[in-house]
Amino acid sequence: MTIGKVDNLEVDFVCKKQNKLIYIQVSYLLASEETVEREFKPLKNIPDNYPKYVITLDDVDMSHDGILHLNLIDFLMDNEMI
């Protein structure tokens, strides 16, 4: 597991499992448009098709552009999620 950089943007976690990558951004809440932009933008700029996740405490699913938005509790409780 590492931290990634895309241009001047940071990806919180870059995880490798069985030669497959996943990218994870973590935020408390997506309470404003600025926060949504800050968390999704680095993942949008990654030019591959590996899974990309934004994990928060929000209950509303804000997945878009192929990036999955997951609630933290759901993420932690589902062993098959990733």
N, C-alpha and C. Protein backbone atom coordinates (compact mmCIF):
# COMPACT_ATOMS: atom_id res chain seq x y z
N MET A 1 0.86 -1.15 0.00
CA MET A 1 0.00 0.00 0.00
C MET A 1 0.91 1.22 0.00
N THR A 2 0.58 2.19 -0.87
CA THR A 2 1.36 3.41 -0.95
C THR A 2 0.42 4.59 -1.13
N ILE A 3 0.99 5.78 -1.08
CA ILE A 3 0.27 7.00 -1.43
C ILE A 3 0.65 7.30 -2.87
N GLY A 4 -0.32 7.76 -3.65
CA GLY A 4 -0.04 8.05 -5.05
C GLY A 4 -0.13 9.52 -5.37
N LYS A 5 0.51 9.92 -6.45
CA LYS A 5 0.45 11.30 -6.94
C LYS A 5 0.05 11.27 -8.40
N VAL A 6 -0.88 12.15 -8.77
CA VAL A 6 -1.28 12.36 -10.15
C VAL A 6 -1.16 13.85 -10.37
N ASP A 7 -0.18 14.26 -11.17
CA ASP A 7 0.15 15.68 -11.33
C ASP A 7 0.43 16.24 -9.93
N ASN A 8 -0.29 17.27 -9.51
CA ASN A 8 -0.12 17.83 -8.17
C ASN A 8 -1.16 17.31 -7.19
N LEU A 9 -1.90 16.29 -7.58
CA LEU A 9 -2.99 15.75 -6.77
C LEU A 9 -2.54 14.47 -6.08
N GLU A 10 -3.10 14.22 -4.91
CA GLU A 10 -2.70 13.05 -4.13
C GLU A 10 -3.84 12.04 -4.05
N VAL A 11 -3.49 10.77 -4.20
CA VAL A 11 -4.40 9.65 -3.98
C VAL A 11 -4.04 9.06 -2.63
N ASP A 12 -5.03 8.96 -1.73
CA ASP A 12 -4.74 8.53 -0.35
C ASP A 12 -4.09 7.16 -0.27
N PHE A 13 -4.63 6.18 -0.99
CA PHE A 13 -4.09 4.82 -0.93
C PHE A 13 -4.07 4.21 -2.32
N VAL A 14 -2.95 3.62 -2.66
CA VAL A 14 -2.82 2.80 -3.86
C VAL A 14 -2.47 1.41 -3.35
N CYS A 15 -3.39 0.47 -3.54
CA CYS A 15 -3.23 -0.87 -2.98
C CYS A 15 -3.04 -1.89 -4.10
N LYS A 16 -2.17 -2.83 -3.87
CA LYS A 16 -1.93 -3.88 -4.84
C LYS A 16 -2.29 -5.22 -4.20
N LYS A 17 -3.14 -5.96 -4.91
CA LYS A 17 -3.57 -7.27 -4.42
C LYS A 17 -3.55 -8.23 -5.61
N GLN A 18 -2.72 -9.23 -5.54
CA GLN A 18 -2.61 -10.23 -6.61
C GLN A 18 -2.41 -9.57 -7.98
N ASN A 19 -1.46 -8.66 -8.06
CA ASN A 19 -1.11 -7.94 -9.29
C ASN A 19 -2.23 -7.06 -9.83
N LYS A 20 -3.21 -6.75 -9.01
CA LYS A 20 -4.27 -5.82 -9.40
C LYS A 20 -4.19 -4.61 -8.48
N LEU A 21 -4.43 -3.45 -9.04
CA LEU A 21 -4.40 -2.21 -8.27
C LEU A 21 -5.81 -1.77 -7.92
N ILE A 22 -5.94 -1.08 -6.80
CA ILE A 22 -7.15 -0.33 -6.47
C ILE A 22 -6.70 1.00 -5.90
N TYR A 23 -7.50 2.02 -6.14
CA TYR A 23 -7.21 3.36 -5.66
C TYR A 23 -8.30 3.77 -4.69
N ILE A 24 -7.91 4.36 -3.56
CA ILE A 24 -8.88 4.73 -2.53
C ILE A 24 -8.61 6.14 -2.05
N GLN A 25 -9.67 6.96 -2.05
CA GLN A 25 -9.67 8.27 -1.43
C GLN A 25 -10.56 8.16 -0.19
N VAL A 26 -10.17 8.82 0.88
CA VAL A 26 -10.95 8.79 2.12
C VAL A 26 -11.23 10.22 2.56
N SER A 27 -12.48 10.47 2.93
CA SER A 27 -12.88 11.78 3.44
C SER A 27 -13.97 11.57 4.48
N TYR A 28 -14.05 12.50 5.43
CA TYR A 28 -15.08 12.40 6.46
C TYR A 28 -16.47 12.44 5.82
N LEU A 29 -16.78 13.52 5.14
CA LEU A 29 -18.06 13.69 4.44
C LEU A 29 -17.82 14.44 3.13
N LEU A 30 -18.71 14.23 2.18
CA LEU A 30 -18.69 15.01 0.95
C LEU A 30 -19.73 16.11 1.09
N ALA A 31 -19.47 17.05 1.98
CA ALA A 31 -20.46 18.04 2.39
C ALA A 31 -20.57 19.23 1.45
N SER A 32 -19.59 19.42 0.59
CA SER A 32 -19.64 20.57 -0.32
C SER A 32 -19.14 20.14 -1.70
N GLU A 33 -19.47 20.94 -2.69
CA GLU A 33 -19.00 20.66 -4.05
C GLU A 33 -17.48 20.69 -4.12
N GLU A 34 -16.87 21.55 -3.33
CA GLU A 34 -15.40 21.63 -3.30
C GLU A 34 -14.79 20.32 -2.78
N THR A 35 -15.40 19.74 -1.77
CA THR A 35 -14.91 18.47 -1.22
C THR A 35 -15.09 17.35 -2.24
N VAL A 36 -16.24 17.32 -2.90
CA VAL A 36 -16.48 16.31 -3.94
C VAL A 36 -15.40 16.42 -5.01
N GLU A 37 -15.15 17.63 -5.47
CA GLU A 37 -14.14 17.85 -6.51
C GLU A 37 -12.75 17.43 -6.02
N ARG A 38 -12.40 17.79 -4.81
CA ARG A 38 -11.08 17.46 -4.26
C ARG A 38 -10.86 15.96 -4.16
N GLU A 39 -11.90 15.21 -3.77
CA GLU A 39 -11.75 13.77 -3.58
C GLU A 39 -11.84 12.98 -4.88
N PHE A 40 -12.68 13.40 -5.82
CA PHE A 40 -12.87 12.64 -7.05
C PHE A 40 -11.84 12.99 -8.13
N LYS A 41 -11.36 14.23 -8.14
CA LYS A 41 -10.48 14.68 -9.23
C LYS A 41 -9.22 13.84 -9.40
N PRO A 42 -8.48 13.52 -8.32
CA PRO A 42 -7.28 12.70 -8.53
C PRO A 42 -7.60 11.34 -9.17
N LEU A 43 -8.72 10.75 -8.78
CA LEU A 43 -9.10 9.45 -9.33
C LEU A 43 -9.52 9.57 -10.79
N LYS A 44 -10.20 10.65 -11.15
CA LYS A 44 -10.59 10.87 -12.54
C LYS A 44 -9.38 11.01 -13.45
N ASN A 45 -8.28 11.50 -12.91
CA ASN A 45 -7.08 11.75 -13.72
C ASN A 45 -6.18 10.53 -13.88
N ILE A 46 -6.54 9.40 -13.29
CA ILE A 46 -5.74 8.19 -13.43
C ILE A 46 -6.15 7.48 -14.72
N PRO A 47 -5.20 7.30 -15.64
CA PRO A 47 -5.55 6.78 -16.97
C PRO A 47 -5.54 5.25 -17.08
N ASP A 48 -6.09 4.56 -16.11
CA ASP A 48 -6.23 3.11 -16.24
C ASP A 48 -7.63 2.70 -15.80
N ASN A 49 -7.92 1.43 -15.89
CA ASN A 49 -9.27 0.95 -15.60
C ASN A 49 -9.37 0.15 -14.31
N TYR A 50 -8.39 0.29 -13.43
CA TYR A 50 -8.48 -0.38 -12.14
C TYR A 50 -9.54 0.30 -11.28
N PRO A 51 -10.14 -0.42 -10.32
CA PRO A 51 -11.19 0.15 -9.48
C PRO A 51 -10.72 1.37 -8.68
N LYS A 52 -11.64 2.34 -8.58
CA LYS A 52 -11.38 3.57 -7.84
C LYS A 52 -12.54 3.80 -6.88
N TYR A 53 -12.19 4.12 -5.62
CA TYR A 53 -13.20 4.27 -4.57
C TYR A 53 -12.99 5.56 -3.80
N VAL A 54 -14.12 6.18 -3.42
CA VAL A 54 -14.12 7.26 -2.44
C VAL A 54 -14.92 6.73 -1.25
N ILE A 55 -14.31 6.73 -0.07
CA ILE A 55 -14.94 6.17 1.12
C ILE A 55 -15.19 7.29 2.12
N THR A 56 -16.45 7.41 2.57
CA THR A 56 -16.83 8.47 3.51
C THR A 56 -17.88 7.92 4.49
N LEU A 57 -18.32 8.79 5.39
CA LEU A 57 -19.42 8.43 6.29
C LEU A 57 -20.79 8.82 5.73
N ASP A 58 -20.83 9.37 4.52
CA ASP A 58 -22.11 9.74 3.90
C ASP A 58 -22.98 8.51 3.67
N ASP A 59 -24.30 8.70 3.77
CA ASP A 59 -25.24 7.63 3.46
C ASP A 59 -25.72 7.70 2.02
N VAL A 60 -25.56 8.84 1.38
CA VAL A 60 -26.02 9.04 0.01
C VAL A 60 -24.90 8.61 -0.95
N ASP A 61 -25.25 7.80 -1.93
CA ASP A 61 -24.28 7.33 -2.92
C ASP A 61 -24.03 8.43 -3.94
N MET A 62 -22.80 8.89 -4.02
CA MET A 62 -22.42 9.95 -4.96
C MET A 62 -21.46 9.41 -6.02
N SER A 63 -21.54 8.12 -6.32
CA SER A 63 -20.70 7.52 -7.35
C SER A 63 -20.93 8.21 -8.68
N HIS A 64 -19.86 8.43 -9.41
CA HIS A 64 -19.99 8.94 -10.78
C HIS A 64 -18.68 8.77 -11.54
N ASP A 65 -18.78 8.83 -12.85
CA ASP A 65 -17.63 8.70 -13.75
C ASP A 65 -16.84 7.42 -13.49
N GLY A 66 -17.53 6.35 -13.12
CA GLY A 66 -16.87 5.07 -12.89
C GLY A 66 -16.17 4.94 -11.54
N ILE A 67 -16.28 5.97 -10.71
CA ILE A 67 -15.67 5.96 -9.38
C ILE A 67 -16.76 5.64 -8.37
N LEU A 68 -16.55 4.59 -7.58
CA LEU A 68 -17.56 4.17 -6.61
C LEU A 68 -17.40 4.92 -5.30
N HIS A 69 -18.51 5.44 -4.81
CA HIS A 69 -18.55 6.11 -3.51
C HIS A 69 -19.15 5.11 -2.53
N LEU A 70 -18.42 4.79 -1.47
CA LEU A 70 -18.86 3.80 -0.50
C LEU A 70 -18.94 4.40 0.89
N ASN A 71 -19.94 3.97 1.64
CA ASN A 71 -20.01 4.32 3.05
C ASN A 71 -18.97 3.51 3.80
N LEU A 72 -18.29 4.13 4.75
CA LEU A 72 -17.21 3.47 5.48
C LEU A 72 -17.68 2.18 6.16
N ILE A 73 -18.83 2.22 6.81
CA ILE A 73 -19.33 1.03 7.51
C ILE A 73 -19.58 -0.10 6.52
N ASP A 74 -20.23 0.22 5.39
CA ASP A 74 -20.47 -0.80 4.37
C ASP A 74 -19.16 -1.38 3.86
N PHE A 75 -18.19 -0.52 3.64
CA PHE A 75 -16.87 -0.95 3.16
C PHE A 75 -16.22 -1.91 4.15
N LEU A 76 -16.26 -1.58 5.43
CA LEU A 76 -15.61 -2.40 6.44
C LEU A 76 -16.33 -3.72 6.69
N MET A 77 -17.64 -3.75 6.50
CA MET A 77 -18.43 -4.94 6.79
C MET A 77 -18.46 -5.95 5.64
N ASP A 78 -18.10 -5.53 4.44
CA ASP A 78 -18.20 -6.40 3.27
C ASP A 78 -16.82 -6.89 2.85
N ASN A 79 -16.49 -8.12 3.18
CA ASN A 79 -15.18 -8.69 2.84
C ASN A 79 -14.99 -8.86 1.34
N GLU A 80 -16.06 -8.90 0.58
CA GLU A 80 -15.97 -9.08 -0.86
C GLU A 80 -15.90 -7.75 -1.61
N MET A 81 -16.03 -6.64 -0.90
CA MET A 81 -16.09 -5.32 -1.54
C MET A 81 -14.85 -5.08 -2.39
N ILE A 82 -13.70 -5.38 -1.83
CA ILE A 82 -12.45 -5.13 -2.56
C ILE A 82 -11.62 -6.40 -2.52
